[in-house]
């Protein structure tokens, strides 16, 4: 298949695109600027354009069988009004202009990313794809993000919404942020440590996307998370065990809120999400358990 990816140079996209090439697909990445430093040996092609703005890049959309929308500014950092605007627009506008560019009844498949933040903050109850959205900042973005993507159904396009958990992988992402305190022997749970963390190994996430791509008729939302979410205190304990560092020093909730503001609530709260539809479809996780996943990434 001929596949176009937005956000293809990011943490997930940079792992997904070479795997798709290995599977025999032709892959192009939509990027704001095609650098002369791109590896000429790579089999990945590039299309120049800013996906948050309409432009000539939209005409290229007609040339692809599958669109994979991974674009979105990082959530990490103190949420100033400007960063919140960037977080929202990088998701909503990219999706809007992609959908506008898709020719009606063209037989294309549209994969659009979302996140488990869609469900809002929860305590211990399990959440699956049929659970309702929340009403905090990230939940409202998730709801609007998915609504933009689902407009493609009005054009007769098959839409698959992939709600990512916290993606664990080497060389960046959330895990890089998490291990830093442990390296300095000050690691431990965040706040109470009771909040749930819905995570996924990046290899499982990539393989789940490829699995759904190869399935004949999936549509609608899929949670891309491990079937075994953990509480933050258990995550800290497991991480400390693997790194051979202490994991008993908690980061006080007040300190986290003072340092990170509104984003601190995302860290101190969470949701217990399970990938019900993915499991019921027959997908098999390589790293369903946290310790197994972390050892593959850190040892």
C-alpha atoms as a PDB file:
ATOM      1  CA  UNK A   1       0.000   0.000   0.000  1.00  0.00           C
ATOM      2  CA  UNK A   2       0.981   3.615  -0.487  1.00  0.00           C
ATOM      3  CA  UNK A   3       0.943   5.284   2.949  1.00  0.00           C
ATOM      4  CA  UNK A   4       1.220   8.946   4.000  1.00  0.00           C
ATOM      5  CA  UNK A   5       2.126   9.729   7.628  1.00  0.00           C
ATOM      6  CA  UNK A   6       1.819  13.041   9.457  1.00  0.00           C
ATOM      7  CA  UNK A   7       4.064  13.284  12.503  1.00  0.00           C
ATOM      8  CA  UNK A   8       6.213  10.659  10.836  1.00  0.00           C
ATOM      9  CA  UNK A   9       9.517  11.994  12.201  1.00  0.00           C
ATOM     10  CA  UNK A  10       8.282  11.929  15.809  1.00  0.00           C
ATOM     11  CA  UNK A  11       8.752   9.346  18.549  1.00  0.00           C
ATOM     12  CA  UNK A  12       6.153   6.897  17.217  1.00  0.00           C
ATOM     13  CA  UNK A  13       6.385   7.769  13.527  1.00  0.00           C
ATOM     14  CA  UNK A  14      10.135   7.207  13.370  1.00  0.00           C
ATOM     15  CA  UNK A  15       9.547   3.622  14.577  1.00  0.00           C
ATOM     16  CA  UNK A  16       6.453   2.979  12.485  1.00  0.00           C
ATOM     17  CA  UNK A  17       7.713   4.105   9.065  1.00  0.00           C
ATOM     18  CA  UNK A  18      10.694   1.703   8.774  1.00  0.00           C
ATOM     19  CA  UNK A  19       8.520  -1.173   9.993  1.00  0.00           C
ATOM     20  CA  UNK A  20       5.973  -0.413   7.275  1.00  0.00           C
ATOM     21  CA  UNK A  21       8.755  -0.379   4.695  1.00  0.00           C
ATOM     22  CA  UNK A  22       9.904  -3.782   5.966  1.00  0.00           C
ATOM     23  CA  UNK A  23       6.366  -5.030   5.358  1.00  0.00           C
ATOM     24  CA  UNK A  24       6.606  -3.955   1.722  1.00  0.00           C
ATOM     25  CA  UNK A  25       4.613  -0.718   1.888  1.00  0.00           C
ATOM     26  CA  UNK A  26       5.575   2.552   0.202  1.00  0.00           C
ATOM     27  CA  UNK A  27       5.820   5.243   2.879  1.00  0.00           C
ATOM     28  CA  UNK A  28       5.865   9.036   2.628  1.00  0.00           C
ATOM     29  CA  UNK A  29       6.107  11.508   5.505  1.00  0.00           C
ATOM     30  CA  UNK A  30       4.479  14.940   5.463  1.00  0.00           C
ATOM     31  CA  UNK A  31       7.026  17.394   6.892  1.00  0.00           C
ATOM     32  CA  UNK A  32       7.183  21.158   7.173  1.00  0.00           C
ATOM     33  CA  UNK A  33      10.577  21.289   5.495  1.00  0.00           C
ATOM     34  CA  UNK A  34      12.461  18.707   3.473  1.00  0.00           C
ATOM     35  CA  UNK A  35      16.006  18.913   4.778  1.00  0.00           C
ATOM     36  CA  UNK A  36      19.021  18.246   2.599  1.00  0.00           C
ATOM     37  CA  UNK A  37      20.256  16.133   5.481  1.00  0.00           C
ATOM     38  CA  UNK A  38      17.637  13.451   4.919  1.00  0.00           C
ATOM     39  CA  UNK A  39      19.256  10.048   4.522  1.00  0.00           C
ATOM     40  CA  UNK A  40      19.349   9.422   0.774  1.00  0.00           C
ATOM     41  CA  UNK A  41      19.539   5.677   1.460  1.00  0.00           C
ATOM     42  CA  UNK A  42      16.162   5.656   3.191  1.00  0.00           C
ATOM     43  CA  UNK A  43      13.244   4.155   1.305  1.00  0.00           C
ATOM     44  CA  UNK A  44      10.914   6.673   2.955  1.00  0.00           C
ATOM     45  CA  UNK A  45       9.832   9.617   0.783  1.00  0.00           C
ATOM     46  CA  UNK A  46       8.892  13.123   1.950  1.00  0.00           C
ATOM     47  CA  UNK A  47       6.128  15.562   1.085  1.00  0.00           C
ATOM     48  CA  UNK A  48       6.675  19.176   2.101  1.00  0.00           C
ATOM     49  CA  UNK A  49       3.874  21.098   3.792  1.00  0.00           C
ATOM     50  CA  UNK A  50       2.546  22.423   7.096  1.00  0.00           C
ATOM     51  CA  UNK A  51      -0.390  20.173   8.060  1.00  0.00           C
ATOM     52  CA  UNK A  52      -1.873  22.860  10.322  1.00  0.00           C
ATOM     53  CA  UNK A  53      -2.447  25.052   7.250  1.00  0.00           C
ATOM     54  CA  UNK A  54      -4.248  24.348   3.977  1.00  0.00           C
ATOM     55  CA  UNK A  55      -1.885  24.255   1.034  1.00  0.00           C
ATOM     56  CA  UNK A  56      -0.554  22.434  -2.047  1.00  0.00           C
ATOM     57  CA  UNK A  57       0.316  19.383   0.098  1.00  0.00           C
ATOM     58  CA  UNK A  58      -3.403  18.574   0.254  1.00  0.00           C
ATOM     59  CA  UNK A  59      -3.411  17.652  -3.444  1.00  0.00           C
ATOM     60  CA  UNK A  60      -0.923  14.852  -2.702  1.00  0.00           C
ATOM     61  CA  UNK A  61      -3.387  13.124  -0.359  1.00  0.00           C
ATOM     62  CA  UNK A  62      -5.253  11.681  -3.344  1.00  0.00           C
ATOM     63  CA  UNK A  63      -2.161   9.619  -4.248  1.00  0.00           C
ATOM     64  CA  UNK A  64      -2.231   7.485  -1.076  1.00  0.00           C
ATOM     65  CA  UNK A  65      -4.227   4.437  -0.029  1.00  0.00           C
ATOM     66  CA  UNK A  66      -3.772   4.947   3.713  1.00  0.00           C
ATOM     67  CA  UNK A  67      -3.359   8.080   5.826  1.00  0.00           C
ATOM     68  CA  UNK A  68      -1.801   7.773   9.298  1.00  0.00           C
ATOM     69  CA  UNK A  69      -2.247  10.916  11.377  1.00  0.00           C
ATOM     70  CA  UNK A  70       0.292  11.002  14.241  1.00  0.00           C
ATOM     71  CA  UNK A  71       0.816  14.766  14.448  1.00  0.00           C
ATOM     72  CA  UNK A  72       0.562  16.569  17.771  1.00  0.00           C
ATOM     73  CA  UNK A  73       2.734  18.837  19.914  1.00  0.00           C
ATOM     74  CA  UNK A  74       4.272  17.335  23.056  1.00  0.00           C
ATOM     75  CA  UNK A  75       2.274  17.597  26.289  1.00  0.00           C
ATOM     76  CA  UNK A  76       5.361  17.729  28.517  1.00  0.00           C
ATOM     77  CA  UNK A  77       5.964  21.082  30.150  1.00  0.00           C
ATOM     78  CA  UNK A  78       4.150  23.795  32.036  1.00  0.00           C
ATOM     79  CA  UNK A  79       0.913  24.553  30.207  1.00  0.00           C
ATOM     80  CA  UNK A  80       1.038  28.231  29.376  1.00  0.00           C
ATOM     81  CA  UNK A  81      -1.845  29.619  27.301  1.00  0.00           C
ATOM     82  CA  UNK A  82       0.442  29.533  24.260  1.00  0.00           C
ATOM     83  CA  UNK A  83       1.426  25.878  24.798  1.00  0.00           C
ATOM     84  CA  UNK A  84      -2.216  24.880  25.323  1.00  0.00           C
ATOM     85  CA  UNK A  85      -3.119  26.579  22.057  1.00  0.00           C
ATOM     86  CA  UNK A  86      -0.288  24.730  20.291  1.00  0.00           C
ATOM     87  CA  UNK A  87      -1.316  21.381  21.815  1.00  0.00           C
ATOM     88  CA  UNK A  88      -4.860  21.850  20.595  1.00  0.00           C
ATOM     89  CA  UNK A  89      -4.234  23.324  17.150  1.00  0.00           C
ATOM     90  CA  UNK A  90      -1.501  20.855  16.213  1.00  0.00           C
ATOM     91  CA  UNK A  91      -4.067  18.081  16.625  1.00  0.00           C
ATOM     92  CA  UNK A  92      -7.350  19.619  15.542  1.00  0.00           C
ATOM     93  CA  UNK A  93      -6.170  21.611  12.532  1.00  0.00           C
ATOM     94  CA  UNK A  94      -3.974  18.847  11.111  1.00  0.00           C
ATOM     95  CA  UNK A  95      -6.882  16.430  11.265  1.00  0.00           C
ATOM     96  CA  UNK A  96      -9.309  18.956   9.798  1.00  0.00           C
ATOM     97  CA  UNK A  97      -7.156  19.734   6.763  1.00  0.00           C
ATOM     98  CA  UNK A  98      -6.365  16.070   6.160  1.00  0.00           C
ATOM     99  CA  UNK A  99     -10.055  15.217   6.102  1.00  0.00           C
ATOM    100  CA  UNK A 100     -10.774  18.144   3.782  1.00  0.00           C
ATOM    101  CA  UNK A 101      -8.163  16.793   1.361  1.00  0.00           C
ATOM    102  CA  UNK A 102      -9.535  13.238   1.147  1.00  0.00           C
ATOM    103  CA  UNK A 103     -11.505  12.627  -2.061  1.00  0.00           C
ATOM    104  CA  UNK A 104     -15.011  11.268  -1.346  1.00  0.00           C
ATOM    105  CA  UNK A 105     -15.654   7.543  -1.805  1.00  0.00           C
ATOM    106  CA  UNK A 106     -12.001   6.976  -2.695  1.00  0.00           C
ATOM    107  CA  UNK A 107     -11.624   3.754  -0.717  1.00  0.00           C
ATOM    108  CA  UNK A 108      -8.916   5.191   1.520  1.00  0.00           C
ATOM    109  CA  UNK A 109      -8.323   4.192   5.144  1.00  0.00           C
ATOM    110  CA  UNK A 110      -7.752   6.951   7.693  1.00  0.00           C
ATOM    111  CA  UNK A 111      -5.905   6.166  10.938  1.00  0.00           C
ATOM    112  CA  UNK A 112      -6.185   9.106  13.320  1.00  0.00           C
ATOM    113  CA  UNK A 113      -4.444   9.219  16.670  1.00  0.00           C
ATOM    114  CA  UNK A 114      -6.169  10.097  19.908  1.00  0.00           C
ATOM    115  CA  UNK A 115      -5.163   9.362  23.502  1.00  0.00           C
ATOM    116  CA  UNK A 116      -6.520   7.754  26.652  1.00  0.00           C
ATOM    117  CA  UNK A 117      -6.841  11.268  28.051  1.00  0.00           C
ATOM    118  CA  UNK A 118     -10.124  11.190  26.103  1.00  0.00           C
ATOM    119  CA  UNK A 119     -11.701   9.436  29.107  1.00  0.00           C
ATOM    120  CA  UNK A 120     -10.748  12.114  31.621  1.00  0.00           C
ATOM    121  CA  UNK A 121      -9.518  11.434  35.141  1.00  0.00           C
ATOM    122  CA  UNK A 122     -10.822   8.353  36.955  1.00  0.00           C
ATOM    123  CA  UNK A 123     -10.185   6.249  40.032  1.00  0.00           C
ATOM    124  CA  UNK A 124     -10.093   2.429  39.885  1.00  0.00           C
ATOM    125  CA  UNK A 125     -12.842   1.617  37.367  1.00  0.00           C
ATOM    126  CA  UNK A 126     -11.809  -0.050  34.121  1.00  0.00           C
ATOM    127  CA  UNK A 127     -12.410   1.951  30.965  1.00  0.00           C
ATOM    128  CA  UNK A 128     -12.802   0.535  27.473  1.00  0.00           C
ATOM    129  CA  UNK A 129     -13.667   1.944  24.057  1.00  0.00           C
ATOM    130  CA  UNK A 130     -17.343   2.247  25.017  1.00  0.00           C
ATOM    131  CA  UNK A 131     -16.677   4.471  28.057  1.00  0.00           C
ATOM    132  CA  UNK A 132     -17.750   8.133  27.715  1.00  0.00           C
ATOM    133  CA  UNK A 133     -15.330  11.068  27.388  1.00  0.00           C
ATOM    134  CA  UNK A 134     -14.302  13.240  30.306  1.00  0.00           C
ATOM    135  CA  UNK A 135     -14.536  17.023  30.625  1.00  0.00           C
ATOM    136  CA  UNK A 136     -11.020  18.256  31.465  1.00  0.00           C
ATOM    137  CA  UNK A 137      -8.657  19.963  28.978  1.00  0.00           C
ATOM    138  CA  UNK A 138      -7.178  16.790  27.474  1.00  0.00           C
ATOM    139  CA  UNK A 139     -10.522  15.017  27.360  1.00  0.00           C
ATOM    140  CA  UNK A 140     -12.093  17.895  25.458  1.00  0.00           C
ATOM    141  CA  UNK A 141      -9.195  17.912  23.015  1.00  0.00           C
ATOM    142  CA  UNK A 142      -9.612  14.156  22.553  1.00  0.00           C
ATOM    143  CA  UNK A 143     -13.332  14.518  21.902  1.00  0.00           C
ATOM    144  CA  UNK A 144     -12.866  17.335  19.363  1.00  0.00           C
ATOM    145  CA  UNK A 145      -9.859  15.600  17.763  1.00  0.00           C
ATOM    146  CA  UNK A 146     -11.863  12.449  17.180  1.00  0.00           C
ATOM    147  CA  UNK A 147     -14.866  14.387  15.921  1.00  0.00           C
ATOM    148  CA  UNK A 148     -12.702  16.016  13.238  1.00  0.00           C
ATOM    149  CA  UNK A 149     -11.430  12.596  12.162  1.00  0.00           C
ATOM    150  CA  UNK A 150     -14.864  10.998  12.083  1.00  0.00           C
ATOM    151  CA  UNK A 151     -16.046  13.617   9.562  1.00  0.00           C
ATOM    152  CA  UNK A 152     -14.205  11.503   6.993  1.00  0.00           C
ATOM    153  CA  UNK A 153     -16.941   8.887   7.373  1.00  0.00           C
ATOM    154  CA  UNK A 154     -19.311  11.367   5.739  1.00  0.00           C
ATOM    155  CA  UNK A 155     -17.108  10.985   2.651  1.00  0.00           C
ATOM    156  CA  UNK A 156     -17.414   7.212   2.699  1.00  0.00           C
ATOM    157  CA  UNK A 157     -13.932   6.749   4.230  1.00  0.00           C
ATOM    158  CA  UNK A 158     -13.123   4.036   6.776  1.00  0.00           C
ATOM    159  CA  UNK A 159     -11.836   5.711   9.940  1.00  0.00           C
ATOM    160  CA  UNK A 160      -9.879   4.017  12.734  1.00  0.00           C
ATOM    161  CA  UNK A 161      -9.271   6.025  15.916  1.00  0.00           C
ATOM    162  CA  UNK A 162      -6.218   4.857  17.884  1.00  0.00           C
ATOM    163  CA  UNK A 163      -6.234   6.010  21.507  1.00  0.00           C
ATOM    164  CA  UNK A 164      -2.623   5.810  22.688  1.00  0.00           C
ATOM    165  CA  UNK A 165      -1.625   5.110  26.251  1.00  0.00           C
ATOM    166  CA  UNK A 166       1.726   6.285  27.625  1.00  0.00           C
ATOM    167  CA  UNK A 167       4.191   4.969  25.056  1.00  0.00           C
ATOM    168  CA  UNK A 168       7.333   3.385  26.519  1.00  0.00           C
ATOM    169  CA  UNK A 169      10.353   3.246  24.207  1.00  0.00           C
ATOM    170  CA  UNK A 170      14.067   3.892  24.019  1.00  0.00           C
ATOM    171  CA  UNK A 171      15.628   7.265  23.386  1.00  0.00           C
ATOM    172  CA  UNK A 172      12.846   9.634  24.321  1.00  0.00           C
ATOM    173  CA  UNK A 173       9.173   9.863  25.125  1.00  0.00           C
ATOM    174  CA  UNK A 174       7.703   9.488  28.595  1.00  0.00           C
ATOM    175  CA  UNK A 175      10.168   6.844  29.778  1.00  0.00           C
ATOM    176  CA  UNK A 176      13.114   9.202  29.373  1.00  0.00           C
ATOM    177  CA  UNK A 177      11.357  11.674  31.670  1.00  0.00           C
ATOM    178  CA  UNK A 178      10.481   8.969  34.176  1.00  0.00           C
ATOM    179  CA  UNK A 179      13.918   7.438  34.634  1.00  0.00           C
ATOM    180  CA  UNK A 180      15.810  10.684  35.289  1.00  0.00           C
ATOM    181  CA  UNK A 181      15.025  10.895  39.051  1.00  0.00           C
ATOM    182  CA  UNK A 182      15.973   7.236  39.462  1.00  0.00           C
ATOM    183  CA  UNK A 183      19.363   7.873  37.860  1.00  0.00           C
ATOM    184  CA  UNK A 184      19.949  10.434  40.616  1.00  0.00           C
ATOM    185  CA  UNK A 185      18.749   8.045  43.366  1.00  0.00           C
ATOM    186  CA  UNK A 186      15.641  10.133  44.127  1.00  0.00           C
ATOM    187  CA  UNK A 187      13.020   8.059  42.293  1.00  0.00           C
ATOM    188  CA  UNK A 188       9.672   7.068  43.689  1.00  0.00           C
ATOM    189  CA  UNK A 189       5.918   7.360  43.270  1.00  0.00           C
ATOM    190  CA  UNK A 190       4.311  10.641  42.245  1.00  0.00           C
ATOM    191  CA  UNK A 191       1.890  12.040  44.805  1.00  0.00           C
ATOM    192  CA  UNK A 192      -0.151   9.274  46.410  1.00  0.00           C
ATOM    193  CA  UNK A 193       1.056   6.714  43.851  1.00  0.00           C
ATOM    194  CA  UNK A 194      -2.466   5.292  43.603  1.00  0.00           C
ATOM    195  CA  UNK A 195      -3.218   6.808  40.179  1.00  0.00           C
ATOM    196  CA  UNK A 196      -3.424   4.370  37.289  1.00  0.00           C
ATOM    197  CA  UNK A 197      -0.961   4.452  34.418  1.00  0.00           C
ATOM    198  CA  UNK A 198      -2.155   3.022  31.110  1.00  0.00           C
ATOM    199  CA  UNK A 199       1.007   2.238  29.197  1.00  0.00           C
ATOM    200  CA  UNK A 200       2.112   0.422  26.030  1.00  0.00           C
ATOM    201  CA  UNK A 201       5.479  -0.790  24.731  1.00  0.00           C
ATOM    202  CA  UNK A 202       6.289   1.012  21.494  1.00  0.00           C
ATOM    203  CA  UNK A 203       6.858  -2.278  19.659  1.00  0.00           C
ATOM    204  CA  UNK A 204       3.356  -3.432  20.586  1.00  0.00           C
ATOM    205  CA  UNK A 205       1.882  -0.104  19.534  1.00  0.00           C
ATOM    206  CA  UNK A 206       3.585  -0.264  16.124  1.00  0.00           C
ATOM    207  CA  UNK A 207       2.561  -3.886  15.597  1.00  0.00           C
ATOM    208  CA  UNK A 208      -1.020  -3.079  16.634  1.00  0.00           C
ATOM    209  CA  UNK A 209      -1.199  -0.352  13.992  1.00  0.00           C
ATOM    210  CA  UNK A 210       0.121  -2.763  11.350  1.00  0.00           C
ATOM    211  CA  UNK A 211      -2.307  -5.437  12.570  1.00  0.00           C
ATOM    212  CA  UNK A 212      -5.278  -3.088  12.175  1.00  0.00           C
ATOM    213  CA  UNK A 213      -3.988  -2.005   8.773  1.00  0.00           C
ATOM    214  CA  UNK A 214      -4.011  -5.627   7.640  1.00  0.00           C
ATOM    215  CA  UNK A 215      -7.456  -6.383   9.033  1.00  0.00           C
ATOM    216  CA  UNK A 216     -10.294  -6.129   6.517  1.00  0.00           C
ATOM    217  CA  UNK A 217     -12.933  -4.122   8.327  1.00  0.00           C
ATOM    218  CA  UNK A 218     -12.005  -2.495  11.673  1.00  0.00           C
ATOM    219  CA  UNK A 219     -13.483   0.928  12.242  1.00  0.00           C
ATOM    220  CA  UNK A 220     -13.989   3.320  15.150  1.00  0.00           C
ATOM    221  CA  UNK A 221     -11.910   3.616  18.333  1.00  0.00           C
ATOM    222  CA  UNK A 222      -9.252   1.185  19.573  1.00  0.00           C
ATOM    223  CA  UNK A 223      -7.324   1.609  22.822  1.00  0.00           C
ATOM    224  CA  UNK A 224      -3.631   0.993  22.147  1.00  0.00           C
ATOM    225  CA  UNK A 225      -2.558   0.152  25.680  1.00  0.00           C
ATOM    226  CA  UNK A 226      -1.235  -2.878  27.501  1.00  0.00           C
ATOM    227  CA  UNK A 227      -3.990  -5.154  28.838  1.00  0.00           C
ATOM    228  CA  UNK A 228      -2.364  -4.714  32.277  1.00  0.00           C
ATOM    229  CA  UNK A 229      -2.273  -1.075  33.410  1.00  0.00           C
ATOM    230  CA  UNK A 230      -0.501  -0.430  36.719  1.00  0.00           C
ATOM    231  CA  UNK A 231      -0.696   2.044  39.550  1.00  0.00           C
ATOM    232  CA  UNK A 232       2.029   4.661  39.674  1.00  0.00           C
ATOM    233  CA  UNK A 233       3.556   3.228  42.867  1.00  0.00           C
ATOM    234  CA  UNK A 234       3.929  -0.182  41.195  1.00  0.00           C
ATOM    235  CA  UNK A 235       5.444   1.415  38.120  1.00  0.00           C
ATOM    236  CA  UNK A 236       8.009   3.192  40.333  1.00  0.00           C
ATOM    237  CA  UNK A 237       8.785   0.004  42.235  1.00  0.00           C
ATOM    238  CA  UNK A 238       9.320  -1.985  39.033  1.00  0.00           C
ATOM    239  CA  UNK A 239      11.428   0.742  37.450  1.00  0.00           C
ATOM    240  CA  UNK A 240      13.616   0.996  40.547  1.00  0.00           C
ATOM    241  CA  UNK A 241      14.077  -2.766  40.599  1.00  0.00           C
ATOM    242  CA  UNK A 242      15.279  -2.877  37.003  1.00  0.00           C
ATOM    243  CA  UNK A 243      17.539   0.165  37.351  1.00  0.00           C
ATOM    244  CA  UNK A 244      18.810  -1.063  40.745  1.00  0.00           C
ATOM    245  CA  UNK A 245      17.895   2.230  42.320  1.00  0.00           C
ATOM    246  CA  UNK A 246      15.752   3.089  45.350  1.00  0.00           C
ATOM    247  CA  UNK A 247      12.096   3.742  44.581  1.00  0.00           C
ATOM    248  CA  UNK A 248      10.710   4.850  47.918  1.00  0.00           C
ATOM    249  CA  UNK A 249      11.110   8.631  47.737  1.00  0.00           C
ATOM    250  CA  UNK A 250       7.730  10.110  46.733  1.00  0.00           C
ATOM    251  CA  UNK A 251       7.420  13.393  44.895  1.00  0.00           C
ATOM    252  CA  UNK A 252       4.868  15.438  46.894  1.00  0.00           C
ATOM    253  CA  UNK A 253       1.734  16.379  45.000  1.00  0.00           C
ATOM    254  CA  UNK A 254       2.031  20.020  46.074  1.00  0.00           C
ATOM    255  CA  UNK A 255       5.556  20.277  44.668  1.00  0.00           C
ATOM    256  CA  UNK A 256       4.454  18.741  41.348  1.00  0.00           C
ATOM    257  CA  UNK A 257       1.540  21.169  41.053  1.00  0.00           C
ATOM    258  CA  UNK A 258       3.755  24.142  41.868  1.00  0.00           C
ATOM    259  CA  UNK A 259       6.340  23.076  39.300  1.00  0.00           C
ATOM    260  CA  UNK A 260       4.021  22.019  36.476  1.00  0.00           C
ATOM    261  CA  UNK A 261       0.751  23.807  37.096  1.00  0.00           C
ATOM    262  CA  UNK A 262      -2.203  22.299  35.237  1.00  0.00           C
ATOM    263  CA  UNK A 263      -0.047  19.606  33.639  1.00  0.00           C
ATOM    264  CA  UNK A 264       0.695  18.359  37.154  1.00  0.00           C
ATOM    265  CA  UNK A 265      -2.893  17.109  37.410  1.00  0.00           C
ATOM    266  CA  UNK A 266      -2.280  14.832  34.414  1.00  0.00           C
ATOM    267  CA  UNK A 267       0.644  13.255  36.277  1.00  0.00           C
ATOM    268  CA  UNK A 268      -1.136  13.012  39.621  1.00  0.00           C
ATOM    269  CA  UNK A 269      -4.346  11.572  38.221  1.00  0.00           C
ATOM    270  CA  UNK A 270      -4.929   8.954  35.577  1.00  0.00           C
ATOM    271  CA  UNK A 271      -7.236   6.336  34.141  1.00  0.00           C
ATOM    272  CA  UNK A 272      -7.308   2.532  34.060  1.00  0.00           C
ATOM    273  CA  UNK A 273      -7.756   1.780  30.370  1.00  0.00           C
ATOM    274  CA  UNK A 274      -7.903  -1.661  28.777  1.00  0.00           C
ATOM    275  CA  UNK A 275      -7.659  -2.501  25.041  1.00  0.00           C
ATOM    276  CA  UNK A 276     -10.867  -4.512  24.911  1.00  0.00           C
ATOM    277  CA  UNK A 277     -11.505  -4.279  21.160  1.00  0.00           C
ATOM    278  CA  UNK A 278      -7.898  -5.040  20.241  1.00  0.00           C
ATOM    279  CA  UNK A 279      -7.771  -8.133  22.469  1.00  0.00           C
ATOM    280  CA  UNK A 280     -11.157  -9.380  21.298  1.00  0.00           C
ATOM    281  CA  UNK A 281     -10.026  -8.995  17.677  1.00  0.00           C
ATOM    282  CA  UNK A 282      -7.221 -11.495  18.323  1.00  0.00           C
ATOM    283  CA  UNK A 283      -4.175  -9.236  18.630  1.00  0.00           C
ATOM    284  CA  UNK A 284      -1.378 -10.743  20.733  1.00  0.00           C
ATOM    285  CA  UNK A 285       0.857  -8.461  22.808  1.00  0.00           C
ATOM    286  CA  UNK A 286       4.559  -9.196  22.918  1.00  0.00           C
ATOM    287  CA  UNK A 287       4.975  -7.157  26.119  1.00  0.00           C
ATOM    288  CA  UNK A 288       1.740  -7.374  28.118  1.00  0.00           C
ATOM    289  CA  UNK A 289       3.448  -7.087  31.539  1.00  0.00           C
ATOM    290  CA  UNK A 290       5.309  -3.999  32.752  1.00  0.00           C
ATOM    291  CA  UNK A 291       8.482  -5.645  34.078  1.00  0.00           C
ATOM    292  CA  UNK A 292       8.958  -7.573  30.849  1.00  0.00           C
ATOM    293  CA  UNK A 293       8.463  -4.376  28.833  1.00  0.00           C
ATOM    294  CA  UNK A 294      10.847  -2.272  30.910  1.00  0.00           C
ATOM    295  CA  UNK A 295      13.567  -4.922  30.879  1.00  0.00           C
ATOM    296  CA  UNK A 296      13.443  -5.024  27.088  1.00  0.00           C
ATOM    297  CA  UNK A 297      14.020  -1.257  27.008  1.00  0.00           C
ATOM    298  CA  UNK A 298      16.472  -0.717  29.865  1.00  0.00           C
ATOM    299  CA  UNK A 299      18.712  -3.798  29.997  1.00  0.00           C
END
